[in-house]
Amino acid sequence: MPKDLQSRLEILIAAAEPGEQLPSEPKLAKQLGVSRATLREAMRAFETRGLIRRQQGVGTFVTRPSQIIESGLEVLESIETMAERIGLPVAAGAVEIRTCLADDETARRLNLTVGDDVFCVSRVILAEDRPVAFLVDTLPPGYLTPDEMAADFTGSVLDLLLKRGNPPLGNSRCEIAAVAAPPEVARALHIQRGDSLLLFEAMLYTADGTPLDYSLSYFLPGYFKFHVVRRVG
């Protein structure tokens, strides 16, 4: 992406009010003297930073998050807990609860056999009415029920398990990567397929070491900032 184009877009977006619609893609490309493909690639970078929101068939809008959810990674916490700490209201958007069949990776992670039934919970997390995260939790059968989810679920499987206290939770191992948004995640987050996302692929274990929850958490980078405090030496 040309640096001059990035700077000009940054000025244009900074001058607009949150919620304001930017010129159409053809008009903006002509105004900036670039191809639509070059403009589209440049706009992607601003979208993943949470500065704009593109809605197919509608247009591009300035968003600029008023607050960023920032947290250390030393303690496992839900998005709801992190957001509550800074006074940012978040809510669960579309939620899907279903029984699935374990694929190769899920079976390996949960010590199951391929094709075994597993309990799947996927949902969108909203901040300031904007989809900012897409979360998928997969658990062996018997740990959660649809009735329990209907009664106590507020968006976080972790918070539900902590509130219940049974089974006692042990530790979590997490792998972090930058990934291109898969089609179903892009649709859920109202972004373009292939846009950059931050992925946390995590395993949660019970106190006795039994695999309990295999989770995939996709975050829009512009709305989250994670850090690690490390001991020296």
Protein backbone atom coordinates (compact mmCIF):
# COMPACT_ATOMS: atom_id res chain seq x y z
CA MET A 1 0.00 0.00 0.00
CA PRO A 2 1.54 3.39 -1.00
CA LYS A 3 2.46 5.44 2.08
CA ASP A 4 1.02 8.59 0.49
CA LEU A 5 -2.35 6.85 0.05
CA GLN A 6 -2.30 5.63 3.64
CA SER A 7 -1.60 9.16 4.91
CA ARG A 8 -4.34 10.72 2.79
CA LEU A 9 -6.87 8.14 3.93
CA GLU A 10 -5.84 8.65 7.54
CA ILE A 11 -6.48 12.39 7.22
CA LEU A 12 -9.82 11.78 5.51
CA ILE A 13 -11.01 9.34 8.19
CA ALA A 14 -9.74 11.52 11.06
CA ALA A 15 -11.69 14.49 9.71
CA ALA A 16 -14.98 12.56 9.58
CA GLU A 17 -17.39 12.13 12.48
CA PRO A 18 -18.13 8.64 13.87
CA GLY A 19 -21.06 7.22 11.90
CA GLU A 20 -20.37 9.40 8.88
CA GLN A 21 -20.43 7.64 5.51
CA LEU A 22 -17.39 7.97 3.28
CA PRO A 23 -17.71 8.53 -0.49
CA SER A 24 -18.43 5.43 -2.56
CA GLU A 25 -15.50 3.28 -3.60
CA PRO A 26 -15.47 4.41 -7.26
CA LYS A 27 -15.76 8.08 -6.26
CA LEU A 28 -13.07 7.81 -3.57
CA ALA A 29 -10.69 5.92 -5.88
CA LYS A 30 -11.09 8.65 -8.51
CA GLN A 31 -10.64 11.38 -5.88
CA LEU A 32 -7.39 9.80 -4.65
CA GLY A 33 -6.14 8.86 -8.11
CA VAL A 34 -5.76 5.12 -7.46
CA SER A 35 -7.37 1.94 -8.71
CA ARG A 36 -10.31 0.45 -6.83
CA ALA A 37 -8.21 -2.64 -6.04
CA THR A 38 -5.47 -0.49 -4.46
CA LEU A 39 -8.04 1.51 -2.51
CA ARG A 40 -9.78 -1.65 -1.30
CA GLU A 41 -6.49 -3.06 0.02
CA ALA A 42 -5.70 0.23 1.79
CA MET A 43 -9.16 0.38 3.38
CA ARG A 44 -8.70 -3.11 4.78
CA ALA A 45 -5.91 -1.90 7.06
CA PHE A 46 -8.15 0.81 8.53
CA GLU A 47 -11.03 -1.61 8.98
CA THR A 48 -8.97 -4.05 11.05
CA ARG A 49 -7.89 -1.13 13.25
CA GLY A 50 -11.54 -0.44 13.99
CA LEU A 51 -11.53 2.96 12.26
CA ILE A 52 -14.04 2.16 9.53
CA ARG A 53 -16.77 -0.36 8.87
CA ARG A 54 -17.67 -1.58 5.40
CA GLN A 55 -21.17 -2.93 4.75
CA GLN A 56 -21.58 -4.67 1.43
CA GLY A 57 -24.18 -2.97 -0.71
CA VAL A 58 -24.52 -0.08 1.76
CA GLY A 59 -21.20 1.76 2.05
CA THR A 60 -18.24 2.53 4.28
CA PHE A 61 -18.71 4.28 7.63
CA VAL A 62 -16.30 5.84 10.12
CA THR A 63 -16.48 4.05 13.49
CA ARG A 64 -13.48 4.90 15.71
CA PRO A 65 -13.92 2.86 18.93
CA SER A 66 -14.23 5.10 21.97
CA GLN A 67 -12.39 2.54 24.13
CA ILE A 68 -10.06 -0.38 23.50
CA ILE A 69 -10.29 -3.56 25.56
CA GLU A 70 -6.79 -4.01 26.97
CA SER A 71 -5.66 -6.91 29.12
CA GLY A 72 -2.67 -8.93 30.20
CA LEU A 73 -2.53 -12.59 29.27
CA GLU A 74 -1.29 -13.92 32.59
CA VAL A 75 -4.83 -14.61 33.85
CA LEU A 76 -7.62 -16.19 31.78
CA GLU A 77 -10.60 -13.80 31.68
CA SER A 78 -13.70 -13.44 29.54
CA ILE A 79 -14.24 -10.47 27.23
CA GLU A 80 -17.13 -9.46 29.49
CA THR A 81 -14.81 -9.27 32.52
CA MET A 82 -12.17 -7.28 30.62
CA ALA A 83 -14.77 -4.85 29.27
CA GLU A 84 -16.42 -4.40 32.68
CA ARG A 85 -13.07 -3.32 34.12
CA ILE A 86 -12.95 -0.30 31.77
CA GLY A 87 -16.69 0.41 31.88
CA LEU A 88 -17.33 -0.62 28.27
CA PRO A 89 -20.74 -2.27 27.76
CA VAL A 90 -20.56 -5.46 25.70
CA ALA A 91 -23.28 -7.91 24.77
CA ALA A 92 -23.72 -11.26 23.08
CA GLY A 93 -25.00 -10.96 19.54
CA ALA A 94 -26.10 -13.96 17.50
CA VAL A 95 -25.67 -17.17 19.53
CA GLU A 96 -25.80 -20.71 18.14
CA ILE A 97 -25.90 -23.73 20.46
CA ARG A 98 -25.87 -27.16 18.88
CA THR A 99 -24.54 -30.70 19.00
CA CYS A 100 -21.73 -31.28 16.47
CA LEU A 101 -19.54 -34.18 15.40
CA ALA A 102 -15.89 -34.04 16.44
CA ASP A 103 -13.51 -33.54 13.53
CA ASP A 104 -9.87 -34.67 13.59
CA GLU A 105 -8.56 -31.60 15.43
CA THR A 106 -11.40 -31.43 17.95
CA ALA A 107 -11.13 -35.15 18.71
CA ARG A 108 -7.38 -34.83 19.25
CA ARG A 109 -7.76 -31.82 21.53
CA LEU A 110 -10.54 -33.29 23.67
CA ASN A 111 -9.28 -36.90 23.74
CA LEU A 112 -12.31 -38.13 21.82
CA THR A 113 -12.91 -40.24 18.71
CA VAL A 114 -13.60 -38.61 15.35
CA GLY A 115 -17.37 -38.48 14.88
CA ASP A 116 -18.19 -38.35 18.62
CA ASP A 117 -20.88 -35.90 19.67
CA VAL A 118 -19.58 -32.61 21.10
CA PHE A 119 -21.37 -29.54 22.46
CA CYS A 120 -20.71 -26.42 20.34
CA VAL A 121 -21.40 -22.81 21.28
CA SER A 122 -20.64 -20.01 18.80
CA ARG A 123 -21.52 -16.36 19.23
CA VAL A 124 -20.70 -12.80 18.26
CA ILE A 125 -19.64 -10.26 20.89
CA LEU A 126 -20.82 -6.67 20.37
CA ALA A 127 -19.17 -3.50 21.68
CA GLU A 128 -20.89 -0.18 20.97
CA ASP A 129 -23.29 -2.16 18.72
CA ARG A 130 -20.35 -3.26 16.58
CA PRO A 131 -19.36 -6.96 16.17
CA VAL A 132 -15.82 -7.11 17.59
CA ALA A 133 -15.24 -10.80 18.29
CA PHE A 134 -16.45 -14.21 17.16
CA LEU A 135 -16.06 -17.03 19.69
CA VAL A 136 -16.49 -20.78 19.34
CA ASP A 137 -16.35 -23.17 22.31
CA THR A 138 -16.46 -26.96 21.90
CA LEU A 139 -16.90 -29.22 24.92
CA PRO A 140 -17.35 -32.97 25.43
CA PRO A 141 -20.98 -33.95 26.08
CA GLY A 142 -22.29 -33.79 29.63
CA TYR A 143 -20.59 -30.60 30.84
CA LEU A 144 -23.23 -28.14 29.62
CA THR A 145 -26.86 -28.49 28.57
CA PRO A 146 -29.10 -26.30 26.39
CA ASP A 147 -31.38 -25.69 29.39
CA GLU A 148 -28.48 -24.46 31.48
CA MET A 149 -27.33 -22.19 28.66
CA ALA A 150 -30.82 -20.75 28.29
CA ALA A 151 -31.02 -19.99 32.01
CA ASP A 152 -27.55 -18.61 32.81
CA PHE A 153 -25.63 -17.84 29.62
CA THR A 154 -24.63 -14.19 29.16
CA GLY A 155 -22.07 -14.69 26.39
CA SER A 156 -19.11 -16.31 28.15
CA VAL A 157 -18.76 -20.08 28.53
CA LEU A 158 -15.83 -19.45 30.89
CA ASP A 159 -17.91 -17.24 33.19
CA LEU A 160 -20.69 -19.83 33.22
CA LEU A 161 -18.27 -22.60 34.21
CA LEU A 162 -16.65 -20.41 36.88
CA LYS A 163 -20.04 -19.46 38.33
CA ARG A 164 -21.12 -23.08 38.51
CA GLY A 165 -17.82 -24.19 40.06
CA ASN A 166 -18.16 -27.79 38.87
CA PRO A 167 -15.92 -29.19 37.58
CA PRO A 168 -13.13 -27.14 39.22
CA LEU A 169 -11.03 -25.45 36.52
CA GLY A 170 -7.29 -25.90 36.28
CA ASN A 171 -5.30 -24.09 33.61
CA SER A 172 -5.48 -22.96 30.01
CA ARG A 173 -2.99 -23.19 27.16
CA CYS A 174 -3.36 -20.69 24.32
CA GLU A 175 -1.75 -20.31 20.90
CA ILE A 176 -1.95 -16.83 19.33
CA ALA A 177 -1.75 -16.09 15.61
CA ALA A 178 -2.71 -13.48 13.02
CA VAL A 179 -5.05 -15.10 10.49
CA ALA A 180 -7.11 -14.22 7.44
CA ALA A 181 -10.83 -14.16 8.28
CA PRO A 182 -12.60 -17.36 7.14
CA PRO A 183 -15.86 -16.74 5.24
CA GLU A 184 -18.21 -17.59 8.13
CA VAL A 185 -16.26 -15.42 10.58
CA ALA A 186 -16.10 -12.53 8.11
CA ARG A 187 -19.88 -12.67 7.71
CA ALA A 188 -20.41 -12.70 11.46
CA LEU A 189 -18.11 -9.71 12.02
CA HIS A 190 -19.33 -7.75 8.96
CA ILE A 191 -15.85 -7.60 7.44
CA GLN A 192 -14.31 -8.80 4.20
CA ARG A 193 -13.18 -12.40 3.76
CA GLY A 194 -9.41 -12.52 4.19
CA ASP A 195 -9.20 -9.45 6.45
CA SER A 196 -6.67 -9.79 9.27
CA LEU A 197 -7.87 -11.06 12.64
CA LEU A 198 -6.21 -12.07 15.87
CA LEU A 199 -6.92 -15.72 16.72
CA PHE A 200 -6.62 -17.28 20.16
CA GLU A 201 -6.76 -21.08 19.88
CA ALA A 202 -7.05 -22.34 23.44
CA MET A 203 -7.53 -25.42 25.58
CA LEU A 204 -9.11 -25.22 29.03
CA TYR A 205 -8.48 -28.08 31.46
CA THR A 206 -10.15 -29.15 34.69
CA ALA A 207 -8.16 -29.20 37.92
CA ASP A 208 -7.29 -32.87 37.35
CA GLY A 209 -6.02 -32.19 33.81
CA THR A 210 -9.05 -33.38 31.83
CA PRO A 211 -9.60 -31.45 28.55
CA LEU A 212 -12.79 -29.45 29.00
CA ASP A 213 -13.08 -26.73 26.35
CA TYR A 214 -11.44 -26.28 22.96
CA SER A 215 -12.04 -22.69 21.89
CA LEU A 216 -11.37 -20.45 18.90
CA SER A 217 -11.61 -16.71 19.59
CA TYR A 218 -11.36 -14.29 16.66
CA PHE A 219 -10.73 -10.64 17.61
CA LEU A 220 -10.82 -7.46 15.52
CA PRO A 221 -7.36 -5.99 16.23
CA GLY A 222 -8.57 -2.40 16.45
CA TYR A 223 -10.73 -3.15 19.48
CA PHE A 224 -8.29 -5.21 21.55
CA LYS A 225 -4.80 -4.77 22.92
CA PHE A 226 -3.13 -7.65 24.77
CA HIS A 227 0.16 -7.60 26.66
CA VAL A 228 2.32 -9.94 28.70
CA VAL A 229 4.27 -9.08 31.87
CA ARG A 230 7.47 -11.11 31.83
CA ARG A 231 10.00 -11.81 34.54
CA VAL A 232 13.57 -10.95 33.65
CA GLY A 233 16.20 -13.70 33.82
